[in-house]
Structure formats: C-alpha cells, structure tokens
Amino acid sequence: MLPTAARKVWKLLQRGAAVVAAVMLANAFFPTLGLADQGGVSFWIPGTFGSLAAVPPSPGWSLTVANYYTSVNAAGDVAAARLITIGKLSPTVMVSLDVTYRSNLDTVGITPSYAFATPVFGATLSLGMTASAGPNAVGVDGTLTLGVGSLVAVRQGSISSSVTGFGDLDPIAQLFWNSGNNNWFAFLTGDIPVGAYNSSNLANVGIGHGAIDGGGGYTYLDAKTGREFSVVTGLTYNLINPSSDYQNGIDWHLDWGLSQALSKQIAIGAVGMSTTSLPPMAAPATGSARSSRGSLASDRKSALPSRPERSRPISI
C-alpha cells in the first residue's frame, strides 16, 4: 500500500499528464502558437533519465559521471521568384539561399548527490548538483544565388565559432517511493546560468538563461526476473535570456527505458526520448536566437523552409 503522501503526488502527476496532453493537442492543431528554443537548444537534455529512474537510492553520498556528445549536420534552403517591371522590361528575379549547419558538442557532467536516511513524506529525499565542462564547435556555410534573366551571380561564405568552458549549474531535488515492484518519484530541477555563454557567439556551453523543470516518473522492477521498465515526463519553464531578450516556449519532455538483467553487472535494454515546445505563458520580446549549445537536426531544418514563394509582379 502506497503512503498517503505518495498517493497525493501520484494524483497530481496524473492531473499534470492530462494538462500536458491537452496542451499538446492544442499545439498539434495550432502549431504557430509554439515557440522554438533559442538556437534549437533546450534546457532538458533528452535521455537525462533512463532505466531504473524511479528506484530509490541507498542512503548516503553518490557520484554520477556522464559524457554527453552530439554531432549535428543539417541543411535547408529558401527560394523566391519575383517578376519586376522596369519600363517595357519584365525580367524575373530569382533569389535562393542554401545553408548548411554543423555542430559538435562534447561535455562531461559530474553530479554529486546525497540521499537522506530519514523519510520525507514517506519517501527517500535526494539532493544533487550537476556541473559540466567541455568544448563546442559550430559552423554555418551559406550560398546566395541571384539570377536576373540569363545573368546569374553566386556568393558563398561561412562563419564558425568554438568555445571550451564550464556549463551551467543544475540543482535537483527528488522524492522516491517504493511499494514492491512499483516505484514512483517526483523531481524539481533547474538551470543556474553561470556557464560560458555569449549571445554574439554561435557556439556556447551554457544556455544563457535560467529555467525551472519539474515532473515525475515510474519504474516497474522485478528483482527476481531482472525485468525493468521506466518512464519519466516533465515540463520546462524558461526565463527570458537577458542577452537576447528572447524567451523559449514551454518544453515538454518524455524519457523511457526498459532493460533485462543478464547478471548482477550486465543488462541489455533500450531507451527512447521525445521533446516538444509548447505555447509560452507570455509572448517573448524580439531578439537574436543564433547561439547554440548543440541541437537536433530537425530543429535546424524546420527553421529553414524549402518551399519557394509564389511569383507576383512588382512594378517600378
């Protein structure tokens, strides 16, 4: 039987899941309401939680060391055609821009944490702090093509940026409940923007703004058979970036993992993750959104539409 406090938390999580589902449905029908994360980078790193996410830790100190590496290559193009009338001449002007984006981020995160032996609301309380450091390199190549009739001009260029430094600090508080094979947990985390960041740089290690993230998850663990399944979900609220005056939308994330233990030291399994931007509570101020801490190719490509606009006459 679950403790009373745990049941209340679980009911809150269920209500929160219903709210998330409703917002996601609205976002699906009204996609223009969602705002992209600045530079395609969210506070939440997909895969933060995986297998055994909700299993209570043993009381005392623990240290987690994780490497996060991502290599992204994305491309997109924008094209437009205009019919211009100059006196008796009506040439068609064609303009196209092809952009290729690449990013390589390689950081190491260290998370010391402490689990208290004394129960809090019938749960095991764990407090921790994550610090990370490493290099990031970003490059953008572009080709601009301008054609007027049979005359075509091509201009190429590229810009790049790299940085090596410390990332932001991410504190986290977690409550774990256990009842037989069933495990639940709730967490509250956030971002303290003290890492290497400059809004004029393409590459950054920090994200340049504060964030608050909360959610919970469930783990089914059968110690006899060694089978396990975990799912974790949460929401991120982003503060305004003071350097660019831009505010990311509200992000929803889902991580899951399943595994089968082969021995006490070896297990096989699979993990999955999903993130999406939901409508923000307030419209953001306009500003630059060019910096990057590493991103998904789909985020970059979605910002570069490849659909040419319809031609329409322009008289001079």
Protein backbone atom coordinates (compact mmCIF):
# COMPACT_ATOMS: atom_id res chain seq x y z
CA MET A 1 0.00 0.00 0.00
CA LEU A 2 1.42 3.39 -1.03
CA PRO A 3 1.89 6.09 1.66
CA THR A 4 -0.78 8.80 1.68
CA ALA A 5 1.70 11.49 0.57
CA ALA A 6 2.83 9.32 -2.35
CA ARG A 7 -0.77 8.78 -3.50
CA LYS A 8 -1.37 12.53 -3.46
CA VAL A 9 1.77 13.17 -5.50
CA TRP A 10 0.76 10.45 -7.96
CA LYS A 11 -2.70 12.05 -8.41
CA LEU A 12 -1.02 15.40 -9.08
CA LEU A 13 1.21 13.77 -11.69
CA GLN A 14 -1.85 12.23 -13.36
CA ARG A 15 -3.55 15.62 -13.49
CA GLY A 16 -0.38 17.17 -14.86
CA ALA A 17 -0.23 14.50 -17.57
CA ALA A 18 -3.80 15.34 -18.57
CA VAL A 19 -2.91 19.03 -18.83
CA VAL A 20 0.16 18.22 -20.92
CA ALA A 21 -1.93 16.05 -23.24
CA ALA A 22 -4.47 18.85 -23.70
CA VAL A 23 -1.78 21.43 -24.47
CA MET A 24 -0.05 19.05 -26.89
CA LEU A 25 -3.36 18.50 -28.70
CA ALA A 26 -3.86 22.26 -28.99
CA ASN A 27 -0.31 22.67 -30.18
CA ALA A 28 -0.87 20.00 -32.85
CA PHE A 29 -3.89 21.85 -34.27
CA PHE A 30 -2.35 25.32 -33.80
CA PRO A 31 1.39 24.81 -34.44
CA THR A 32 2.08 28.51 -34.88
CA LEU A 33 1.46 29.02 -31.17
CA GLY A 34 4.64 27.15 -30.24
CA LEU A 35 7.96 28.95 -29.97
CA ALA A 36 11.27 27.31 -30.81
CA ASP A 37 14.06 27.07 -28.29
CA GLN A 38 16.80 29.61 -28.87
CA GLY A 39 19.42 28.12 -31.17
CA GLY A 40 17.43 24.86 -31.16
CA VAL A 41 18.74 24.17 -27.64
CA SER A 42 16.54 23.25 -24.69
CA PHE A 43 17.48 23.12 -21.02
CA TRP A 44 16.47 19.48 -20.81
CA ILE A 45 18.92 17.07 -22.42
CA PRO A 46 16.93 14.13 -23.87
CA GLY A 47 17.86 10.90 -22.14
CA THR A 48 18.63 12.51 -18.79
CA PHE A 49 16.58 9.77 -17.12
CA GLY A 50 16.51 6.18 -18.38
CA SER A 51 16.28 2.73 -16.85
CA LEU A 52 15.73 2.45 -13.07
CA ALA A 53 14.88 6.16 -12.93
CA ALA A 54 12.40 5.88 -10.05
CA VAL A 55 14.20 3.24 -7.94
CA PRO A 56 15.09 4.78 -4.54
CA PRO A 57 18.84 5.28 -3.98
CA SER A 58 20.70 3.93 -0.97
CA PRO A 59 21.17 6.48 1.86
CA GLY A 60 24.43 8.43 1.73
CA TRP A 61 26.63 10.07 -0.88
CA SER A 62 26.84 9.03 -4.53
CA LEU A 63 28.62 10.40 -7.61
CA THR A 64 27.43 10.16 -11.21
CA VAL A 65 29.74 10.92 -14.15
CA ALA A 66 28.23 11.12 -17.64
CA ASN A 67 29.56 12.10 -21.06
CA TYR A 68 27.25 13.94 -23.47
CA TYR A 69 28.37 14.03 -27.09
CA THR A 70 26.38 15.21 -30.08
CA SER A 71 27.32 15.78 -33.71
CA VAL A 72 24.72 17.57 -35.82
CA ASN A 73 24.61 18.31 -39.53
CA ALA A 74 21.57 19.97 -41.06
CA ALA A 75 20.78 21.78 -44.30
CA GLY A 76 17.99 23.90 -45.68
CA ASP A 77 17.20 26.34 -48.44
CA VAL A 78 14.96 29.32 -49.10
CA ALA A 79 13.95 30.31 -52.64
CA ALA A 80 11.83 33.12 -54.10
CA ALA A 81 10.90 34.39 -57.57
CA ARG A 82 9.72 37.91 -58.42
CA LEU A 83 8.50 39.43 -61.70
CA ILE A 84 9.81 43.01 -61.87
CA THR A 85 8.55 45.58 -64.39
CA ILE A 86 11.05 48.28 -65.40
CA GLY A 87 9.59 50.32 -68.19
CA LYS A 88 8.98 47.86 -71.05
CA LEU A 89 11.16 45.17 -69.49
CA SER A 90 9.72 42.48 -67.23
CA PRO A 91 12.59 40.27 -66.08
CA THR A 92 12.13 37.57 -63.45
CA VAL A 93 14.46 37.82 -60.47
CA MET A 94 15.34 34.55 -58.74
CA VAL A 95 16.91 34.52 -55.27
CA SER A 96 17.91 31.41 -53.33
CA LEU A 97 19.85 30.79 -50.14
CA ASP A 98 21.32 27.40 -49.21
CA VAL A 99 22.56 26.97 -45.64
CA THR A 100 24.44 24.08 -44.04
CA TYR A 101 24.77 23.88 -40.27
CA ARG A 102 27.13 21.68 -38.24
CA SER A 103 27.74 21.36 -34.51
CA ASN A 104 29.94 19.18 -32.32
CA LEU A 105 29.48 19.25 -28.55
CA ASP A 106 31.40 17.02 -26.12
CA THR A 107 30.89 17.66 -22.40
CA VAL A 108 31.38 15.69 -19.20
CA GLY A 109 28.87 16.18 -16.38
CA ILE A 110 29.55 15.37 -12.72
CA THR A 111 26.64 15.04 -10.29
CA PRO A 112 27.33 14.56 -6.56
CA SER A 113 24.16 13.76 -4.63
CA TYR A 114 23.10 12.82 -1.12
CA ALA A 115 20.15 10.60 -0.14
CA PHE A 116 18.76 11.06 3.37
CA ALA A 117 18.05 8.03 5.55
CA THR A 118 15.16 9.79 7.34
CA PRO A 119 11.96 9.61 5.23
CA VAL A 120 10.35 12.84 4.00
CA PHE A 121 6.61 12.50 3.31
CA GLY A 122 7.19 8.75 3.44
CA ALA A 123 9.78 9.00 0.67
CA THR A 124 13.55 8.99 0.24
CA LEU A 125 14.80 12.53 -0.36
CA SER A 126 17.82 13.04 -2.61
CA LEU A 127 19.57 16.36 -3.33
CA GLY A 128 22.20 16.87 -6.01
CA MET A 129 24.00 19.34 -8.26
CA THR A 130 25.30 18.83 -11.81
CA ALA A 131 28.32 20.68 -13.20
CA SER A 132 29.65 20.15 -16.72
CA ALA A 133 32.51 21.28 -18.94
CA GLY A 134 33.80 20.67 -22.44
CA PRO A 135 34.23 22.06 -25.96
CA ASN A 136 31.61 23.08 -28.52
CA ALA A 137 32.21 23.97 -32.18
CA VAL A 138 29.59 25.36 -34.58
CA GLY A 139 29.87 26.29 -38.24
CA VAL A 140 27.47 27.64 -40.86
CA ASP A 141 28.10 27.62 -44.63
CA GLY A 142 25.90 29.60 -46.98
CA THR A 143 25.46 30.06 -50.73
CA LEU A 144 23.46 33.00 -52.10
CA THR A 145 22.35 32.81 -55.74
CA LEU A 146 20.86 35.81 -57.58
CA GLY A 147 19.58 35.50 -61.12
CA VAL A 148 18.09 38.14 -63.44
CA GLY A 149 17.13 36.66 -66.77
CA SER A 150 20.17 34.81 -68.09
CA LEU A 151 22.55 36.55 -65.67
CA VAL A 152 23.42 34.60 -62.53
CA ALA A 153 25.60 35.70 -59.61
CA VAL A 154 26.73 33.38 -56.82
CA ARG A 155 28.17 34.41 -53.45
CA GLN A 156 29.50 31.93 -50.89
CA GLY A 157 30.51 32.45 -47.29
CA SER A 158 30.95 30.70 -43.97
CA ILE A 159 31.18 31.57 -40.30
CA SER A 160 32.31 29.41 -37.40
CA SER A 161 32.72 29.60 -33.66
CA SER A 162 34.20 27.39 -30.95
CA VAL A 163 34.46 27.56 -27.19
CA THR A 164 35.70 25.40 -24.33
CA GLY A 165 34.49 26.07 -20.82
CA PHE A 166 32.19 25.23 -17.95
CA GLY A 167 28.46 24.80 -18.40
CA ASP A 168 25.61 25.95 -16.19
CA LEU A 169 24.88 24.52 -12.74
CA ASP A 170 21.78 22.31 -12.46
CA PRO A 171 20.49 21.59 -8.94
CA ILE A 172 17.97 18.77 -8.49
CA ALA A 173 15.71 17.54 -5.66
CA GLN A 174 13.99 14.15 -5.86
CA LEU A 175 11.49 12.17 -3.76
CA PHE A 176 11.31 8.37 -4.21
CA TRP A 177 8.55 5.98 -3.11
CA ASN A 178 8.59 2.20 -3.28
CA SER A 179 5.89 -0.47 -2.99
CA GLY A 180 7.02 -3.94 -4.03
CA ASN A 181 7.87 -3.94 -7.74
CA ASN A 182 6.41 -0.44 -8.18
CA ASN A 183 8.48 2.71 -7.76
CA TRP A 184 7.49 6.35 -8.15
CA PHE A 185 9.45 9.57 -7.95
CA ALA A 186 8.96 13.32 -8.34
CA PHE A 187 11.69 15.80 -9.18
CA LEU A 188 12.35 19.51 -9.32
CA THR A 189 15.38 20.85 -11.14
CA GLY A 190 16.51 23.99 -12.92
CA ASP A 191 19.31 25.90 -14.59
CA ILE A 192 21.60 28.47 -12.97
CA PRO A 193 23.13 30.34 -15.96
CA VAL A 194 26.77 30.66 -14.91
CA GLY A 195 28.34 28.74 -17.81
CA ALA A 196 30.33 30.01 -20.78
CA TYR A 197 27.85 32.00 -22.88
CA ASN A 198 27.90 34.98 -25.24
CA SER A 199 24.85 35.87 -27.32
CA SER A 200 27.09 37.05 -30.18
CA ASN A 201 28.77 33.63 -30.46
CA LEU A 202 27.46 30.73 -32.50
CA ALA A 203 28.92 28.21 -30.05
CA ASN A 204 28.25 28.19 -26.31
CA VAL A 205 28.42 25.72 -23.46
CA GLY A 206 25.82 27.45 -21.26
CA ILE A 207 22.30 28.34 -22.42
CA GLY A 208 22.35 31.95 -21.21
CA HIS A 209 19.10 31.94 -19.22
CA GLY A 210 17.53 30.41 -16.16
CA ALA A 211 14.98 27.59 -16.28
CA ILE A 212 12.75 25.60 -13.93
CA ASP A 213 11.81 22.00 -14.66
CA GLY A 214 9.60 19.59 -12.75
CA GLY A 215 7.90 16.25 -13.25
CA GLY A 216 7.87 12.66 -12.17
CA GLY A 217 8.16 9.08 -13.28
CA TYR A 218 7.52 5.40 -12.66
CA THR A 219 9.68 2.28 -12.67
CA TYR A 220 8.48 -1.31 -12.66
CA LEU A 221 11.27 -3.54 -11.38
CA ASP A 222 11.03 -7.29 -10.85
CA ALA A 223 14.20 -8.23 -8.99
CA LYS A 224 13.53 -11.96 -9.47
CA THR A 225 13.34 -11.88 -13.26
CA GLY A 226 15.58 -8.82 -13.74
CA ARG A 227 12.98 -7.07 -15.91
CA GLU A 228 12.53 -3.34 -15.67
CA PHE A 229 10.59 -0.53 -17.38
CA SER A 230 10.80 3.20 -16.63
CA VAL A 231 9.04 6.31 -17.93
CA VAL A 232 9.69 9.94 -16.90
CA THR A 233 7.96 13.12 -18.02
CA GLY A 234 8.13 16.81 -17.12
CA LEU A 235 7.78 20.43 -18.20
CA THR A 236 10.40 23.17 -18.52
CA TYR A 237 9.57 26.84 -17.99
CA ASN A 238 12.27 29.11 -19.41
CA LEU A 239 13.12 32.58 -18.17
CA ILE A 240 13.95 35.39 -20.59
CA ASN A 241 17.50 35.43 -21.91
CA PRO A 242 18.80 38.86 -20.73
CA SER A 243 21.40 38.99 -23.52
CA SER A 244 18.99 38.47 -26.42
CA ASP A 245 15.61 39.37 -24.85
CA TYR A 246 14.26 36.06 -26.14
CA GLN A 247 12.14 33.61 -24.16
CA ASN A 248 11.87 29.96 -25.14
CA GLY A 249 8.47 28.31 -25.15
CA ILE A 250 7.41 25.80 -22.51
CA ASP A 251 9.08 22.47 -23.26
CA TRP A 252 7.54 19.05 -22.60
CA HIS A 253 9.83 16.04 -22.44
CA LEU A 254 9.40 12.28 -22.15
CA ASP A 255 12.15 9.72 -21.46
CA TRP A 256 11.70 5.96 -21.20
CA GLY A 257 13.84 2.89 -20.84
CA LEU A 258 13.49 -0.87 -20.49
CA SER A 259 16.09 -3.49 -19.66
CA GLN A 260 16.69 -7.13 -18.88
CA ALA A 261 19.41 -8.07 -16.43
CA LEU A 262 21.69 -10.89 -17.59
CA SER A 263 23.74 -10.85 -14.39
CA LYS A 264 24.42 -8.53 -11.46
CA GLN A 265 26.80 -6.49 -13.63
CA ILE A 266 25.36 -6.84 -17.15
CA ALA A 267 21.98 -5.85 -18.61
CA ILE A 268 20.62 -5.19 -22.09
CA GLY A 269 17.83 -2.80 -22.99
CA ALA A 270 16.60 0.15 -24.98
CA VAL A 271 15.87 3.82 -24.30
CA GLY A 272 13.80 6.48 -26.05
CA MET A 273 13.05 10.15 -25.68
CA SER A 274 10.83 12.91 -27.05
CA THR A 275 10.67 16.68 -26.61
CA THR A 276 8.40 19.39 -27.97
CA SER A 277 7.88 23.13 -27.43
CA LEU A 278 4.50 24.22 -26.10
CA PRO A 279 2.96 27.72 -26.15
CA PRO A 280 4.69 30.11 -23.71
CA MET A 281 2.81 31.89 -20.94
CA ALA A 282 3.75 35.26 -22.41
CA ALA A 283 4.90 36.41 -25.83
CA PRO A 284 8.67 36.85 -25.97
CA ALA A 285 10.42 40.05 -26.88
CA THR A 286 12.14 40.10 -30.24
CA GLY A 287 15.84 39.38 -30.27
CA SER A 288 18.64 37.27 -31.58
CA ALA A 289 18.30 33.49 -31.50
CA ARG A 290 21.60 32.47 -33.04
CA SER A 291 23.63 30.89 -30.25
CA SER A 292 23.91 27.13 -29.89
CA ARG A 293 24.90 24.51 -27.32
CA GLY A 294 24.31 21.62 -29.74
CA SER A 295 20.90 20.83 -31.23
CA LEU A 296 18.78 18.37 -33.16
CA ALA A 297 18.93 18.41 -36.93
CA SER A 298 15.15 18.60 -37.15
CA ASP A 299 15.16 21.85 -35.15
CA ARG A 300 17.62 23.42 -37.55
CA LYS A 301 15.93 22.20 -40.69
CA SER A 302 12.50 23.35 -39.56
CA ALA A 303 13.87 26.89 -39.30
CA LEU A 304 14.93 26.80 -42.95
CA PRO A 305 11.84 26.27 -45.14
CA SER A 306 12.50 24.91 -48.62
CA ARG A 307 9.17 25.87 -50.17
CA PRO A 308 9.52 28.65 -52.80
CA GLU A 309 7.08 31.51 -52.63
CA ARG A 310 4.67 32.19 -55.47
CA SER A 311 5.75 34.78 -58.02
CA ARG A 312 3.89 38.04 -58.10
CA PRO A 313 4.51 41.16 -60.23
CA ILE A 314 6.25 44.21 -58.76
CA SER A 315 6.05 47.45 -60.70
CA ILE A 316 8.82 50.08 -60.55
